[in-house]
Amino acid sequence: MSRKKITWIGLYTYFRVEL
């Protein structure tokens, strides 16, 4: 479960940084 949460947060952060 922790791994999936990290993936979601990572994607969210990546998108925010790209934008």
Protein backbone atom coordinates (compact mmCIF):
# COMPACT_ATOMS: atom_id res chain seq x y z
CA MET A 1 0.00 0.00 0.00
CA SER A 2 2.84 2.36 0.86
CA ARG A 3 4.45 1.80 -2.54
CA LYS A 4 1.24 2.70 -4.37
CA LYS A 5 0.87 5.86 -2.28
CA ILE A 6 4.45 6.89 -3.06
CA THR A 7 3.79 6.36 -6.78
CA TRP A 8 0.69 8.57 -6.67
CA ILE A 9 2.50 11.30 -4.74
CA GLY A 10 5.50 11.03 -7.07
CA LEU A 11 3.32 11.44 -10.16
CA TYR A 12 1.46 14.36 -8.61
CA THR A 13 4.71 16.09 -7.69
CA TYR A 14 6.22 15.41 -11.12
CA PHE A 15 3.20 16.89 -12.87
CA ARG A 16 3.28 19.95 -10.60
CA VAL A 17 7.00 20.47 -11.22
CA GLU A 18 6.53 20.10 -14.98
CA LEU A 19 3.66 22.59 -15.00
